[in-house]
Amino acid sequence: MKNIPTADLNHTSYVPSETEEYMNKRQLRYFENRLMEEKRELELKIQRSIRNLKTLKSESPDIIDQSNHESAIHRELKNLERNNTLLNKNRNAILRIKRGYFGFCMITGEAIGIKRLNLIPATTMSIDAMRMLENENQMFGYNMAS
């Protein structure tokens, strides 16, 4: 990566292309930068949720106020849970870059593809693997959303 100009590594000036060698150094650096940015954003959201939870206090005897308070706590906890899940996926993607298997499907071993990685950089499966998994789950009656 020493031969690549720093400006080229900044994902605002470089966008991976389907025509170049798959998961070359520039692409890996691009996705690592994106994932690091997303990691920082998720960490800030988690900190914000924790602060919000600490400040949510209700000592109102009114049942509606108590209900609103509980709803706010529930909503903040869901945000915290979602962001923690996304952060874990993000960290795992960064590890995959460092270990040399980022961009390849964890089920089939095939390339995930630049377009899909641009949409969901932390993804671990190709579209074909996702469809196969969804079909299996439907066949056996599993709910993917749970």
Protein backbone atom coordinates (compact mmCIF):
# COMPACT_ATOMS: atom_id res chain seq x y z
CA MET A 1 0.00 0.00 0.00
CA LYS A 2 3.02 2.29 0.24
CA ASN A 3 2.92 2.94 -3.53
CA ILE A 4 -0.69 4.14 -3.50
CA PRO A 5 -1.10 7.91 -3.09
CA THR A 6 -2.97 8.84 0.08
CA ALA A 7 -5.61 10.72 -1.92
CA ASP A 8 -6.45 7.49 -3.75
CA LEU A 9 -7.06 5.71 -0.45
CA ASN A 10 -9.66 8.23 0.62
CA HIS A 11 -12.97 6.68 -0.40
CA THR A 12 -14.38 10.07 -1.36
CA SER A 13 -11.96 10.27 -4.28
CA TYR A 14 -11.75 6.56 -5.07
CA VAL A 15 -14.65 4.22 -5.71
CA PRO A 16 -13.96 0.52 -6.34
CA SER A 17 -14.83 -0.72 -9.78
CA GLU A 18 -16.02 -4.11 -11.02
CA THR A 19 -13.39 -3.85 -13.78
CA GLU A 20 -10.33 -3.91 -11.50
CA GLU A 21 -8.83 -6.90 -9.70
CA TYR A 22 -11.23 -8.01 -6.97
CA MET A 23 -10.18 -7.10 -3.41
CA ASN A 24 -6.97 -5.42 -4.42
CA LYS A 25 -5.15 -3.19 -1.90
CA ARG A 26 -7.04 -0.06 -2.95
CA GLN A 27 -10.42 -1.77 -2.55
CA LEU A 28 -9.48 -3.23 0.82
CA ARG A 29 -8.28 0.16 2.04
CA TYR A 30 -11.47 1.80 0.74
CA PHE A 31 -13.69 -0.64 2.62
CA GLU A 32 -11.54 -0.46 5.74
CA ASN A 33 -11.88 3.35 5.73
CA ARG A 34 -15.66 3.07 5.28
CA LEU A 35 -15.95 0.51 8.06
CA MET A 36 -13.79 2.60 10.40
CA GLU A 37 -16.02 5.63 9.75
CA GLU A 38 -19.15 3.58 10.40
CA LYS A 39 -17.53 2.18 13.57
CA ARG A 40 -16.93 5.69 14.92
CA GLU A 41 -20.52 6.70 14.09
CA LEU A 42 -21.95 3.60 15.77
CA GLU A 43 -19.82 4.16 18.88
CA LEU A 44 -21.14 7.73 19.11
CA LYS A 45 -24.74 6.50 18.74
CA ILE A 46 -24.16 3.93 21.48
CA GLN A 47 -22.71 6.57 23.80
CA ARG A 48 -25.68 8.83 23.04
CA SER A 49 -28.16 6.04 23.82
CA ILE A 50 -26.42 5.29 27.12
CA ARG A 51 -26.51 9.00 28.05
CA ASN A 52 -30.20 9.17 27.11
CA LEU A 53 -31.00 6.12 29.20
CA LYS A 54 -29.23 7.62 32.20
CA THR A 55 -31.26 10.82 31.91
CA LEU A 56 -34.65 9.17 31.43
CA LYS A 57 -36.34 9.46 34.80
CA SER A 58 -39.99 9.44 35.57
CA GLU A 59 -41.44 9.88 38.96
CA SER A 60 -44.81 11.01 37.75
CA PRO A 61 -47.81 9.36 39.36
CA ASP A 62 -49.70 9.80 36.09
CA ILE A 63 -50.12 6.45 34.32
CA ILE A 64 -49.84 8.04 30.85
CA ASP A 65 -46.58 9.75 31.77
CA GLN A 66 -45.24 6.46 33.13
CA SER A 67 -46.29 4.67 29.95
CA ASN A 68 -44.58 7.31 27.78
CA HIS A 69 -41.47 6.99 29.94
CA GLU A 70 -41.42 3.21 29.57
CA SER A 71 -41.90 3.56 25.80
CA ALA A 72 -38.96 5.96 25.61
CA ILE A 73 -36.78 3.53 27.58
CA HIS A 74 -37.86 0.64 25.36
CA ARG A 75 -37.12 2.64 22.20
CA GLU A 76 -33.68 3.66 23.49
CA LEU A 77 -32.87 0.08 24.48
CA LYS A 78 -33.85 -1.14 21.01
CA ASN A 79 -31.59 1.53 19.46
CA LEU A 80 -28.76 0.46 21.75
CA GLU A 81 -29.26 -3.22 20.90
CA ARG A 82 -29.42 -2.51 17.15
CA ASN A 83 -26.31 -0.33 17.19
CA ASN A 84 -24.37 -2.88 19.28
CA THR A 85 -25.29 -5.58 16.77
CA LEU A 86 -24.19 -3.39 13.86
CA LEU A 87 -20.96 -2.51 15.69
CA ASN A 88 -20.15 -6.20 16.20
CA LYS A 89 -20.77 -6.90 12.50
CA ASN A 90 -18.60 -3.91 11.63
CA ARG A 91 -15.74 -5.08 13.87
CA ASN A 92 -15.93 -8.56 12.36
CA ALA A 93 -15.70 -7.08 8.86
CA ILE A 94 -12.58 -5.13 9.86
CA LEU A 95 -11.09 -8.38 11.20
CA ARG A 96 -11.89 -10.12 7.92
CA ILE A 97 -9.94 -7.41 6.09
CA LYS A 98 -6.95 -7.93 8.37
CA ARG A 99 -7.15 -11.73 8.04
CA GLY A 100 -7.48 -11.64 4.26
CA TYR A 101 -10.95 -13.01 3.59
CA PHE A 102 -13.03 -9.85 3.37
CA GLY A 103 -15.31 -9.67 0.33
CA PHE A 104 -15.85 -13.41 0.07
CA CYS A 105 -18.99 -15.28 1.05
CA MET A 106 -18.68 -17.16 4.34
CA ILE A 107 -20.91 -19.94 2.97
CA THR A 108 -19.81 -20.43 -0.64
CA GLY A 109 -16.37 -18.80 -0.64
CA GLU A 110 -17.31 -16.89 -3.78
CA ALA A 111 -16.85 -13.15 -4.26
CA ILE A 112 -19.64 -11.10 -2.70
CA GLY A 113 -19.23 -8.36 -5.27
CA ILE A 114 -18.37 -4.67 -5.18
CA LYS A 115 -21.98 -3.48 -5.60
CA ARG A 116 -23.22 -5.49 -2.60
CA LEU A 117 -20.23 -4.51 -0.46
CA ASN A 118 -20.82 -0.85 -1.31
CA LEU A 119 -24.39 -1.20 -0.03
CA ILE A 120 -23.56 -3.31 3.02
CA PRO A 121 -19.79 -3.32 3.73
CA ALA A 122 -20.13 -5.65 6.73
CA THR A 123 -22.05 -8.32 4.81
CA THR A 124 -20.78 -11.89 5.00
CA MET A 125 -22.84 -13.52 2.26
CA SER A 126 -23.35 -13.24 -1.45
CA ILE A 127 -26.83 -12.69 -2.86
CA ASP A 128 -26.94 -16.34 -4.01
CA ALA A 129 -26.04 -17.61 -0.53
CA MET A 130 -28.67 -15.34 1.05
CA ARG A 131 -31.33 -16.67 -1.34
CA MET A 132 -30.28 -20.24 -0.65
CA LEU A 133 -30.49 -19.65 3.11
CA GLU A 134 -33.87 -17.92 2.82
CA ASN A 135 -35.22 -20.80 0.69
CA GLU A 136 -34.02 -23.35 3.24
CA ASN A 137 -35.52 -21.38 6.10
CA GLN A 138 -38.85 -21.09 4.28
CA MET A 139 -38.80 -24.77 3.48
CA PHE A 140 -38.31 -25.64 7.16
CA GLY A 141 -40.57 -22.88 8.45
CA TYR A 142 -37.92 -20.69 10.11
CA ASN A 143 -38.46 -16.96 10.33
CA MET A 144 -35.37 -15.02 9.15
CA ALA A 145 -36.52 -11.84 10.92
CA SER A 146 -36.28 -13.32 14.40
